[in-house]
């Protein structure tokens, strides 16, 4: 007795074809998903770089070769940076919160924080009266923290 050839696929062929299709689909979606994640991270890095550059340029405007001018003196009204939530002289020692600069960027609403810390250093001009040391050289360190 002979068996008649039946048209169709065996169970093993169907399982193998399904496995190959699943692996291919997983690989394609993995590449697409990683490109979206990379794009979002790149957008946040670009926004962070732009905000940092803008903050550096603003703080540069508070630096003067003439420390006796009103814009440079500690506590002077022209030296207060509106973005600084502490409301004190922009180059006063301590930590200054400038998270408000993130408004309107891709970092706003993500829980990101943006601060800068000012420290006084003796650079040969004399430090002047403390605690703010208005005639000292200033070192500024930025801290921008945002979730990936």
Protein backbone atom coordinates (compact mmCIF):
# COMPACT_ATOMS: atom_id res chain seq x y z
CA UNK A 1 0.00 0.00 0.00
CA UNK A 2 1.41 3.35 -0.97
CA UNK A 3 0.72 6.65 0.65
CA UNK A 4 -0.59 9.37 -1.54
CA UNK A 5 1.41 12.57 -1.50
CA UNK A 6 -0.56 15.26 0.28
CA UNK A 7 -0.07 18.88 -0.64
CA UNK A 8 0.91 21.15 2.29
CA UNK A 9 3.57 21.58 4.91
CA UNK A 10 4.69 19.42 7.76
CA UNK A 11 4.44 20.65 11.33
CA UNK A 12 8.21 21.07 11.58
CA UNK A 13 8.31 23.24 8.46
CA UNK A 14 5.55 25.50 9.81
CA UNK A 15 7.27 25.86 13.21
CA UNK A 16 10.62 26.67 11.58
CA UNK A 17 9.04 29.28 9.29
CA UNK A 18 7.27 30.86 12.25
CA UNK A 19 10.51 30.98 14.26
CA UNK A 20 12.41 32.63 11.39
CA UNK A 21 9.63 35.21 10.91
CA UNK A 22 9.57 35.97 14.66
CA UNK A 23 13.36 36.44 14.83
CA UNK A 24 13.34 38.72 11.78
CA UNK A 25 10.47 40.81 13.16
CA UNK A 26 12.19 41.12 16.54
CA UNK A 27 15.43 42.27 14.91
CA UNK A 28 13.69 44.88 12.75
CA UNK A 29 11.65 46.33 15.63
CA UNK A 30 14.72 46.33 17.87
CA UNK A 31 16.60 48.50 15.37
CA UNK A 32 13.64 50.86 14.96
CA UNK A 33 13.13 51.21 18.72
CA UNK A 34 16.82 51.84 19.40
CA UNK A 35 16.90 54.54 16.72
CA UNK A 36 13.97 56.33 18.38
CA UNK A 37 15.64 56.11 21.80
CA UNK A 38 18.95 57.35 20.39
CA UNK A 39 17.17 60.24 18.69
CA UNK A 40 15.45 61.27 21.91
CA UNK A 41 18.74 61.14 23.84
CA UNK A 42 20.48 63.18 21.14
CA UNK A 43 17.71 65.80 21.30
CA UNK A 44 18.16 66.09 25.07
CA UNK A 45 21.95 66.37 24.73
CA UNK A 46 21.54 69.11 22.10
CA UNK A 47 19.10 71.00 24.31
CA UNK A 48 21.45 70.62 27.29
CA UNK A 49 24.40 71.94 25.29
CA UNK A 50 22.36 74.92 24.08
CA UNK A 51 21.16 75.81 27.59
CA UNK A 52 24.69 75.45 29.03
CA UNK A 53 26.13 77.70 26.33
CA UNK A 54 23.45 80.32 26.95
CA UNK A 55 24.10 80.23 30.72
CA UNK A 56 27.86 80.59 30.20
CA UNK A 57 27.35 83.59 27.93
CA UNK A 58 25.00 85.24 30.44
CA UNK A 59 27.45 84.74 33.31
CA UNK A 60 30.26 86.13 31.14
CA UNK A 61 28.30 89.38 30.92
CA UNK A 62 28.62 89.73 34.73
CA UNK A 63 32.40 89.54 34.57
CA UNK A 64 34.21 92.83 34.29
CA UNK A 65 37.82 93.99 34.29
CA UNK A 66 36.63 96.79 36.58
CA UNK A 67 35.34 95.21 39.81
CA UNK A 68 34.28 98.59 41.22
CA UNK A 69 31.51 99.02 38.61
CA UNK A 70 27.90 98.53 39.73
CA UNK A 71 27.35 95.46 37.54
CA UNK A 72 30.21 93.66 39.26
CA UNK A 73 29.71 94.70 42.89
CA UNK A 74 28.14 92.22 45.27
CA UNK A 75 24.46 92.85 45.84
CA UNK A 76 24.17 95.43 43.06
CA UNK A 77 20.83 95.33 41.24
CA UNK A 78 22.37 95.05 37.73
CA UNK A 79 24.22 91.94 38.93
CA UNK A 80 21.07 89.96 39.77
CA UNK A 81 20.23 87.32 37.17
CA UNK A 82 16.47 86.98 36.70
CA UNK A 83 16.74 83.24 35.98
CA UNK A 84 18.47 82.65 39.33
CA UNK A 85 15.81 81.66 41.87
CA UNK A 86 18.03 82.77 44.77
CA UNK A 87 17.62 86.41 43.70
CA UNK A 88 21.17 87.40 44.68
CA UNK A 89 24.23 88.62 42.84
CA UNK A 90 24.90 86.25 39.93
CA UNK A 91 28.51 85.59 40.99
CA UNK A 92 27.92 85.27 44.73
CA UNK A 93 29.56 82.22 46.30
CA UNK A 94 27.32 79.20 46.67
CA UNK A 95 24.83 77.21 44.63
CA UNK A 96 22.44 79.04 42.29
CA UNK A 97 19.34 77.36 40.84
CA UNK A 98 18.68 78.31 37.20
CA UNK A 99 16.28 75.48 36.31
CA UNK A 100 13.92 78.11 34.86
CA UNK A 101 16.21 78.29 31.80
CA UNK A 102 15.00 74.81 30.82
CA UNK A 103 11.48 76.10 30.13
CA UNK A 104 10.62 75.76 26.47
CA UNK A 105 13.26 73.11 25.77
CA UNK A 106 12.90 69.35 25.42
CA UNK A 107 14.17 69.12 29.02
CA UNK A 108 11.25 71.01 30.55
CA UNK A 109 8.76 68.86 32.41
CA UNK A 110 11.20 65.95 32.72
CA UNK A 111 12.27 66.68 36.28
CA UNK A 112 15.61 68.10 35.09
CA UNK A 113 17.54 70.47 37.32
CA UNK A 114 20.12 73.08 36.34
CA UNK A 115 22.39 74.76 38.89
CA UNK A 116 25.74 76.45 39.01
CA UNK A 117 28.17 76.79 41.90
CA UNK A 118 30.43 79.81 42.40
CA UNK A 119 33.64 79.68 44.42
CA UNK A 120 36.13 82.50 45.09
CA UNK A 121 39.84 82.09 44.41
CA UNK A 122 42.71 84.43 45.19
CA UNK A 123 44.18 85.49 41.87
CA UNK A 124 46.47 88.22 43.19
CA UNK A 125 44.02 91.15 43.31
CA UNK A 126 43.11 90.64 46.96
CA UNK A 127 39.93 89.05 48.10
CA UNK A 128 38.18 92.09 49.55
CA UNK A 129 35.66 91.88 52.37
CA UNK A 130 33.97 88.54 53.03
CA UNK A 131 31.83 86.55 52.90
CA UNK A 132 31.08 87.25 49.25
CA UNK A 133 34.63 88.22 48.24
CA UNK A 134 33.60 90.47 45.34
CA UNK A 135 37.17 91.16 44.18
CA UNK A 136 38.24 87.51 43.99
CA UNK A 137 38.52 85.45 40.85
CA UNK A 138 35.46 83.25 40.47
CA UNK A 139 35.24 79.60 39.47
CA UNK A 140 31.86 78.51 38.13
CA UNK A 141 30.80 74.86 37.90
CA UNK A 142 27.59 73.94 36.08
CA UNK A 143 25.41 70.95 36.98
CA UNK A 144 22.67 69.86 34.58
CA UNK A 145 20.85 66.69 35.59
CA UNK A 146 18.15 65.18 33.40
CA UNK A 147 16.69 61.71 32.95
CA UNK A 148 17.52 59.70 29.85
